[in-house]
Amino acid sequence: MRNRLFTNRKFIIDILMVVVIAAMAVLVYYRVDQMIDNQKESEEAAAESTQNNPQEEMTQTPHEQEPTELEAKPALAFNLVNLDGESVALSDFLGNAVMVNFWATWCPPCRAEMPLIQEYAAANQGQLVVLAINAGEENHTVQDFVDSQNFEDVNFLLDLTNSVADLYRVPGLPTSLFIDAEGLLQGIHIGELDEDLLTTYLAGIGVK
């Protein structure tokens, strides 16, 4: 009789252990599943935030003091639209020195250097073409900024998806490219330009 009771008790204990283990397994499963869902929601929220706020993807960069040495190589081709909706290609300006400036209205260093860029574009008409590529903002935002200033010698282009910035692996704003008349990329500057830096880079592409 005692053996029978012992056997029954052992059987009940075994059953309870199985139930406890199963319950723990279910809890662990749902906890892991919840963590995965939370991670997915966080990633989706981050992606949506970056899409809605391009400035989080393209950040402003500090002033760089010295010109960057670069081995000349053919500039990568691109095609964008200007503020009038017209298609503009880099190849349209082969035979001219070209400065490509990546910028945005929310970037203080970009706004600070733009009058200097306009000044040199105006002083070197027929020799220098400036393409100011806006990083991810809508036409009306860029147009309002342009209308508030006198930037008539700068060609403003829209890069709504940052495709050209990605093509050139632009790390932050402002970033400027300097391309000679043969279409060779001779210099890249990351950060705000001052007059000494700008004249040095322009001399490198034949603009004195």
C-alpha atoms as a PDB file:
ATOM      1  CA  MET A   1       0.000   0.000   0.000  1.00  0.00           C
ATOM      2  CA  ARG A   2       2.790   2.393   0.949  1.00  0.00           C
ATOM      3  CA  ASN A   3       4.610   1.628  -2.306  1.00  0.00           C
ATOM      4  CA  ARG A   4       1.451   2.336  -4.211  1.00  0.00           C
ATOM      5  CA  LEU A   5       1.011   5.719  -2.514  1.00  0.00           C
ATOM      6  CA  PHE A   6       4.649   6.544  -3.173  1.00  0.00           C
ATOM      7  CA  THR A   7       4.228   5.604  -6.824  1.00  0.00           C
ATOM      8  CA  ASN A   8       1.086   7.746  -7.160  1.00  0.00           C
ATOM      9  CA  ARG A   9       2.781  10.699  -5.476  1.00  0.00           C
ATOM     10  CA  LYS A  10       5.796  10.395  -7.748  1.00  0.00           C
ATOM     11  CA  PHE A  11       3.493  10.245 -10.756  1.00  0.00           C
ATOM     12  CA  ILE A  12       1.679  13.429  -9.653  1.00  0.00           C
ATOM     13  CA  ILE A  13       4.991  15.212  -9.057  1.00  0.00           C
ATOM     14  CA  ASP A  14       6.181  14.199 -12.507  1.00  0.00           C
ATOM     15  CA  ILE A  15       2.976  15.531 -14.035  1.00  0.00           C
ATOM     16  CA  LEU A  16       3.326  18.837 -12.178  1.00  0.00           C
ATOM     17  CA  MET A  17       6.934  19.202 -13.337  1.00  0.00           C
ATOM     18  CA  VAL A  18       5.871  18.620 -16.931  1.00  0.00           C
ATOM     19  CA  VAL A  19       3.125  21.249 -16.556  1.00  0.00           C
ATOM     20  CA  VAL A  20       5.555  23.751 -15.015  1.00  0.00           C
ATOM     21  CA  ILE A  21       8.151  23.155 -17.722  1.00  0.00           C
ATOM     22  CA  ALA A  22       5.512  23.550 -20.444  1.00  0.00           C
ATOM     23  CA  ALA A  23       4.242  26.770 -18.873  1.00  0.00           C
ATOM     24  CA  MET A  24       7.775  28.171 -18.684  1.00  0.00           C
ATOM     25  CA  ALA A  25       8.371  27.236 -22.323  1.00  0.00           C
ATOM     26  CA  VAL A  26       5.196  29.067 -23.355  1.00  0.00           C
ATOM     27  CA  LEU A  27       6.204  32.153 -21.360  1.00  0.00           C
ATOM     28  CA  VAL A  28       9.684  32.156 -22.888  1.00  0.00           C
ATOM     29  CA  TYR A  29       8.222  31.773 -26.391  1.00  0.00           C
ATOM     30  CA  TYR A  30       5.848  34.714 -25.966  1.00  0.00           C
ATOM     31  CA  ARG A  31       8.575  36.833 -24.372  1.00  0.00           C
ATOM     32  CA  VAL A  32      10.964  36.223 -27.291  1.00  0.00           C
ATOM     33  CA  ASP A  33       8.173  36.836 -29.783  1.00  0.00           C
ATOM     34  CA  GLN A  34       7.342  40.138 -28.055  1.00  0.00           C
ATOM     35  CA  MET A  35      11.016  41.200 -28.144  1.00  0.00           C
ATOM     36  CA  ILE A  36      11.177  40.446 -31.875  1.00  0.00           C
ATOM     37  CA  ASP A  37       8.001  42.465 -32.518  1.00  0.00           C
ATOM     38  CA  ASN A  38       9.349  45.384 -30.489  1.00  0.00           C
ATOM     39  CA  GLN A  39      12.612  45.298 -32.446  1.00  0.00           C
ATOM     40  CA  LYS A  40      10.733  45.311 -35.744  1.00  0.00           C
ATOM     41  CA  GLU A  41       8.588  48.244 -34.614  1.00  0.00           C
ATOM     42  CA  SER A  42      11.698  50.179 -33.557  1.00  0.00           C
ATOM     43  CA  GLU A  43      13.397  49.568 -36.910  1.00  0.00           C
ATOM     44  CA  GLU A  44      10.267  50.578 -38.832  1.00  0.00           C
ATOM     45  CA  ALA A  45       9.897  53.734 -36.740  1.00  0.00           C
ATOM     46  CA  ALA A  46      13.547  54.635 -37.315  1.00  0.00           C
ATOM     47  CA  ALA A  47      13.207  54.077 -41.061  1.00  0.00           C
ATOM     48  CA  GLU A  48      10.046  56.199 -41.202  1.00  0.00           C
ATOM     49  CA  SER A  49      11.696  58.947 -39.171  1.00  0.00           C
ATOM     50  CA  THR A  50      14.686  59.044 -41.536  1.00  0.00           C
ATOM     51  CA  GLN A  51      12.401  59.115 -44.563  1.00  0.00           C
ATOM     52  CA  ASN A  52      10.322  61.969 -43.166  1.00  0.00           C
ATOM     53  CA  ASN A  53      13.357  63.875 -41.872  1.00  0.00           C
ATOM     54  CA  PRO A  54      16.219  63.692 -44.371  1.00  0.00           C
ATOM     55  CA  GLN A  55      18.360  65.904 -42.110  1.00  0.00           C
ATOM     56  CA  GLU A  56      18.708  62.913 -39.750  1.00  0.00           C
ATOM     57  CA  GLU A  57      20.347  60.980 -42.568  1.00  0.00           C
ATOM     58  CA  MET A  58      22.488  63.835 -43.915  1.00  0.00           C
ATOM     59  CA  THR A  59      24.043  65.706 -41.012  1.00  0.00           C
ATOM     60  CA  GLN A  60      26.013  68.929 -41.067  1.00  0.00           C
ATOM     61  CA  THR A  61      29.780  68.516 -40.866  1.00  0.00           C
ATOM     62  CA  PRO A  62      32.391  70.675 -39.183  1.00  0.00           C
ATOM     63  CA  HIS A  63      34.712  73.057 -40.977  1.00  0.00           C
ATOM     64  CA  GLU A  64      37.676  71.263 -42.535  1.00  0.00           C
ATOM     65  CA  GLN A  65      40.851  73.351 -42.415  1.00  0.00           C
ATOM     66  CA  GLU A  66      42.964  71.901 -45.206  1.00  0.00           C
ATOM     67  CA  PRO A  67      42.128  70.964 -48.829  1.00  0.00           C
ATOM     68  CA  THR A  68      41.760  67.232 -49.392  1.00  0.00           C
ATOM     69  CA  GLU A  69      44.284  65.704 -51.779  1.00  0.00           C
ATOM     70  CA  LEU A  70      42.627  63.481 -54.335  1.00  0.00           C
ATOM     71  CA  GLU A  71      43.797  61.375 -57.256  1.00  0.00           C
ATOM     72  CA  ALA A  72      41.958  62.706 -60.307  1.00  0.00           C
ATOM     73  CA  LYS A  73      39.326  60.355 -61.712  1.00  0.00           C
ATOM     74  CA  PRO A  74      36.253  60.712 -63.935  1.00  0.00           C
ATOM     75  CA  ALA A  75      33.324  62.268 -62.091  1.00  0.00           C
ATOM     76  CA  LEU A  76      30.294  59.988 -61.781  1.00  0.00           C
ATOM     77  CA  ALA A  77      27.468  60.962 -64.125  1.00  0.00           C
ATOM     78  CA  PHE A  78      24.116  62.121 -62.767  1.00  0.00           C
ATOM     79  CA  ASN A  79      20.904  63.696 -63.940  1.00  0.00           C
ATOM     80  CA  LEU A  80      18.539  65.769 -61.772  1.00  0.00           C
ATOM     81  CA  VAL A  81      15.848  68.404 -62.225  1.00  0.00           C
ATOM     82  CA  ASN A  82      16.183  72.103 -61.424  1.00  0.00           C
ATOM     83  CA  LEU A  83      13.617  74.315 -59.713  1.00  0.00           C
ATOM     84  CA  ASP A  84      11.813  74.804 -63.043  1.00  0.00           C
ATOM     85  CA  GLY A  85      11.433  71.047 -63.497  1.00  0.00           C
ATOM     86  CA  GLU A  86      14.023  70.910 -66.283  1.00  0.00           C
ATOM     87  CA  SER A  87      16.409  67.970 -66.558  1.00  0.00           C
ATOM     88  CA  VAL A  88      20.058  68.837 -65.923  1.00  0.00           C
ATOM     89  CA  ALA A  89      22.954  66.410 -66.416  1.00  0.00           C
ATOM     90  CA  LEU A  90      26.542  66.807 -65.280  1.00  0.00           C
ATOM     91  CA  SER A  91      27.628  65.948 -68.816  1.00  0.00           C
ATOM     92  CA  ASP A  92      25.868  69.119 -70.055  1.00  0.00           C
ATOM     93  CA  PHE A  93      28.791  71.124 -68.703  1.00  0.00           C
ATOM     94  CA  LEU A  94      31.719  69.168 -70.112  1.00  0.00           C
ATOM     95  CA  GLY A  95      34.301  71.735 -71.175  1.00  0.00           C
ATOM     96  CA  ASN A  96      33.632  73.926 -68.130  1.00  0.00           C
ATOM     97  CA  ALA A  97      35.008  73.755 -64.617  1.00  0.00           C
ATOM     98  CA  VAL A  98      32.194  72.559 -62.353  1.00  0.00           C
ATOM     99  CA  MET A  99      31.668  72.924 -58.615  1.00  0.00           C
ATOM    100  CA  VAL A 100      29.036  70.589 -57.163  1.00  0.00           C
ATOM    101  CA  ASN A 101      27.811  71.645 -53.735  1.00  0.00           C
ATOM    102  CA  PHE A 102      25.648  69.308 -51.599  1.00  0.00           C
ATOM    103  CA  TRP A 103      23.582  71.376 -49.174  1.00  0.00           C
ATOM    104  CA  ALA A 104      20.238  71.828 -47.384  1.00  0.00           C
ATOM    105  CA  THR A 105      18.282  74.781 -45.986  1.00  0.00           C
ATOM    106  CA  TRP A 106      18.357  73.298 -42.442  1.00  0.00           C
ATOM    107  CA  CYS A 107      22.193  73.211 -42.483  1.00  0.00           C
ATOM    108  CA  PRO A 108      23.712  76.435 -41.007  1.00  0.00           C
ATOM    109  CA  PRO A 109      27.203  75.941 -42.566  1.00  0.00           C
ATOM    110  CA  CYS A 110      25.530  75.397 -45.945  1.00  0.00           C
ATOM    111  CA  ARG A 111      23.645  78.668 -45.704  1.00  0.00           C
ATOM    112  CA  ALA A 112      26.743  80.467 -44.416  1.00  0.00           C
ATOM    113  CA  GLU A 113      28.929  79.511 -47.382  1.00  0.00           C
ATOM    114  CA  MET A 114      26.317  80.018 -50.119  1.00  0.00           C
ATOM    115  CA  PRO A 115      26.881  83.816 -50.560  1.00  0.00           C
ATOM    116  CA  LEU A 116      30.610  83.149 -51.059  1.00  0.00           C
ATOM    117  CA  ILE A 117      29.835  80.470 -53.654  1.00  0.00           C
ATOM    118  CA  GLN A 118      27.467  82.864 -55.434  1.00  0.00           C
ATOM    119  CA  GLU A 119      30.152  85.575 -55.433  1.00  0.00           C
ATOM    120  CA  TYR A 120      32.692  83.312 -57.137  1.00  0.00           C
ATOM    121  CA  ALA A 121      30.114  81.927 -59.564  1.00  0.00           C
ATOM    122  CA  ALA A 122      29.260  85.476 -60.636  1.00  0.00           C
ATOM    123  CA  ALA A 123      32.911  86.515 -60.909  1.00  0.00           C
ATOM    124  CA  ASN A 124      33.781  83.520 -63.102  1.00  0.00           C
ATOM    125  CA  GLN A 125      30.840  83.333 -65.494  1.00  0.00           C
ATOM    126  CA  GLY A 126      31.689  81.402 -68.635  1.00  0.00           C
ATOM    127  CA  GLN A 127      34.495  79.616 -66.817  1.00  0.00           C
ATOM    128  CA  LEU A 128      32.816  78.090 -63.755  1.00  0.00           C
ATOM    129  CA  VAL A 129      29.470  76.306 -63.370  1.00  0.00           C
ATOM    130  CA  VAL A 130      28.069  75.808 -59.861  1.00  0.00           C
ATOM    131  CA  LEU A 131      25.534  73.038 -59.297  1.00  0.00           C
ATOM    132  CA  ALA A 132      23.983  73.271 -55.826  1.00  0.00           C
ATOM    133  CA  ILE A 133      22.364  69.893 -55.139  1.00  0.00           C
ATOM    134  CA  ASN A 134      19.769  70.059 -52.376  1.00  0.00           C
ATOM    135  CA  ALA A 135      19.625  67.017 -50.120  1.00  0.00           C
ATOM    136  CA  GLY A 136      16.087  65.667 -49.944  1.00  0.00           C
ATOM    137  CA  GLU A 137      13.935  68.798 -49.579  1.00  0.00           C
ATOM    138  CA  GLU A 138      10.840  69.741 -51.562  1.00  0.00           C
ATOM    139  CA  ASN A 139      10.873  72.284 -54.392  1.00  0.00           C
ATOM    140  CA  HIS A 140       8.957  74.960 -52.478  1.00  0.00           C
ATOM    141  CA  THR A 141      11.371  74.806 -49.522  1.00  0.00           C
ATOM    142  CA  VAL A 142      14.375  75.336 -51.773  1.00  0.00           C
ATOM    143  CA  GLN A 143      12.597  77.970 -53.867  1.00  0.00           C
ATOM    144  CA  ASP A 144      11.679  79.998 -50.757  1.00  0.00           C
ATOM    145  CA  PHE A 145      15.331  80.014 -49.693  1.00  0.00           C
ATOM    146  CA  VAL A 146      16.551  81.012 -53.164  1.00  0.00           C
ATOM    147  CA  ASP A 147      13.927  83.763 -53.429  1.00  0.00           C
ATOM    148  CA  SER A 148      15.089  85.252 -50.133  1.00  0.00           C
ATOM    149  CA  GLN A 149      18.640  85.706 -51.459  1.00  0.00           C
ATOM    150  CA  ASN A 150      20.422  86.718 -54.649  1.00  0.00           C
ATOM    151  CA  PHE A 151      21.752  83.423 -55.997  1.00  0.00           C
ATOM    152  CA  GLU A 152      21.147  83.992 -59.693  1.00  0.00           C
ATOM    153  CA  ASP A 153      24.483  82.498 -60.806  1.00  0.00           C
ATOM    154  CA  VAL A 154      24.033  79.204 -58.941  1.00  0.00           C
ATOM    155  CA  ASN A 155      22.145  76.305 -60.535  1.00  0.00           C
ATOM    156  CA  PHE A 156      19.931  74.701 -57.896  1.00  0.00           C
ATOM    157  CA  LEU A 157      19.055  71.031 -58.398  1.00  0.00           C
ATOM    158  CA  LEU A 158      16.745  68.751 -56.410  1.00  0.00           C
ATOM    159  CA  ASP A 159      17.901  65.373 -55.110  1.00  0.00           C
ATOM    160  CA  LEU A 160      14.704  64.248 -53.376  1.00  0.00           C
ATOM    161  CA  THR A 161      15.928  60.723 -52.632  1.00  0.00           C
ATOM    162  CA  ASN A 162      19.592  61.649 -52.040  1.00  0.00           C
ATOM    163  CA  SER A 163      20.499  59.384 -54.954  1.00  0.00           C
ATOM    164  CA  VAL A 164      23.414  61.547 -56.120  1.00  0.00           C
ATOM    165  CA  ALA A 165      24.617  62.065 -52.550  1.00  0.00           C
ATOM    166  CA  ASP A 166      24.613  58.283 -52.168  1.00  0.00           C
ATOM    167  CA  LEU A 167      26.389  57.907 -55.515  1.00  0.00           C
ATOM    168  CA  TYR A 168      29.242  60.080 -54.249  1.00  0.00           C
ATOM    169  CA  ARG A 169      29.001  58.684 -50.683  1.00  0.00           C
ATOM    170  CA  VAL A 170      28.554  62.141 -49.230  1.00  0.00           C
ATOM    171  CA  PRO A 171      29.084  61.800 -45.453  1.00  0.00           C
ATOM    172  CA  GLY A 172      27.501  65.083 -44.405  1.00  0.00           C
ATOM    173  CA  LEU A 173      26.640  68.625 -45.383  1.00  0.00           C
ATOM    174  CA  PRO A 174      27.992  70.753 -46.834  1.00  0.00           C
ATOM    175  CA  THR A 175      30.211  68.756 -49.160  1.00  0.00           C
ATOM    176  CA  SER A 176      31.694  70.218 -52.361  1.00  0.00           C
ATOM    177  CA  LEU A 177      33.147  68.496 -55.427  1.00  0.00           C
ATOM    178  CA  PHE A 178      35.495  70.196 -57.871  1.00  0.00           C
ATOM    179  CA  ILE A 179      35.503  68.873 -61.446  1.00  0.00           C
ATOM    180  CA  ASP A 180      37.747  70.154 -64.217  1.00  0.00           C
ATOM    181  CA  ALA A 181      36.823  70.903 -67.834  1.00  0.00           C
ATOM    182  CA  GLU A 182      37.698  67.337 -68.864  1.00  0.00           C
ATOM    183  CA  GLY A 183      35.209  65.877 -66.414  1.00  0.00           C
ATOM    184  CA  LEU A 184      37.818  64.727 -63.875  1.00  0.00           C
ATOM    185  CA  LEU A 185      37.080  64.971 -60.178  1.00  0.00           C
ATOM    186  CA  GLN A 186      40.040  66.878 -58.763  1.00  0.00           C
ATOM    187  CA  GLY A 187      38.934  67.728 -55.237  1.00  0.00           C
ATOM    188  CA  ILE A 188      36.405  67.010 -52.495  1.00  0.00           C
ATOM    189  CA  HIS A 189      35.822  69.235 -49.487  1.00  0.00           C
ATOM    190  CA  ILE A 190      33.739  68.132 -46.498  1.00  0.00           C
ATOM    191  CA  GLY A 191      32.557  71.019 -44.363  1.00  0.00           C
ATOM    192  CA  GLU A 192      32.110  74.755 -44.758  1.00  0.00           C
ATOM    193  CA  LEU A 193      34.324  76.576 -47.264  1.00  0.00           C
ATOM    194  CA  ASP A 194      36.035  79.871 -46.586  1.00  0.00           C
ATOM    195  CA  GLU A 195      37.560  82.094 -49.268  1.00  0.00           C
ATOM    196  CA  ASP A 196      41.085  80.675 -49.014  1.00  0.00           C
ATOM    197  CA  LEU A 197      39.864  77.109 -49.323  1.00  0.00           C
ATOM    198  CA  LEU A 198      37.523  77.921 -52.189  1.00  0.00           C
ATOM    199  CA  THR A 199      40.181  79.729 -54.221  1.00  0.00           C
ATOM    200  CA  THR A 200      42.610  76.826 -53.660  1.00  0.00           C
ATOM    201  CA  TYR A 201      40.120  74.246 -54.894  1.00  0.00           C
ATOM    202  CA  LEU A 202      39.050  76.372 -57.856  1.00  0.00           C
ATOM    203  CA  ALA A 203      42.675  76.875 -58.888  1.00  0.00           C
ATOM    204  CA  GLY A 204      42.942  73.078 -58.963  1.00  0.00           C
ATOM    205  CA  ILE A 205      40.299  72.941 -61.703  1.00  0.00           C
ATOM    206  CA  GLY A 206      41.691  75.855 -63.691  1.00  0.00           C
ATOM    207  CA  VAL A 207      39.669  78.751 -62.273  1.00  0.00           C
ATOM    208  CA  LYS A 208      42.033  81.571 -61.304  1.00  0.00           C
END
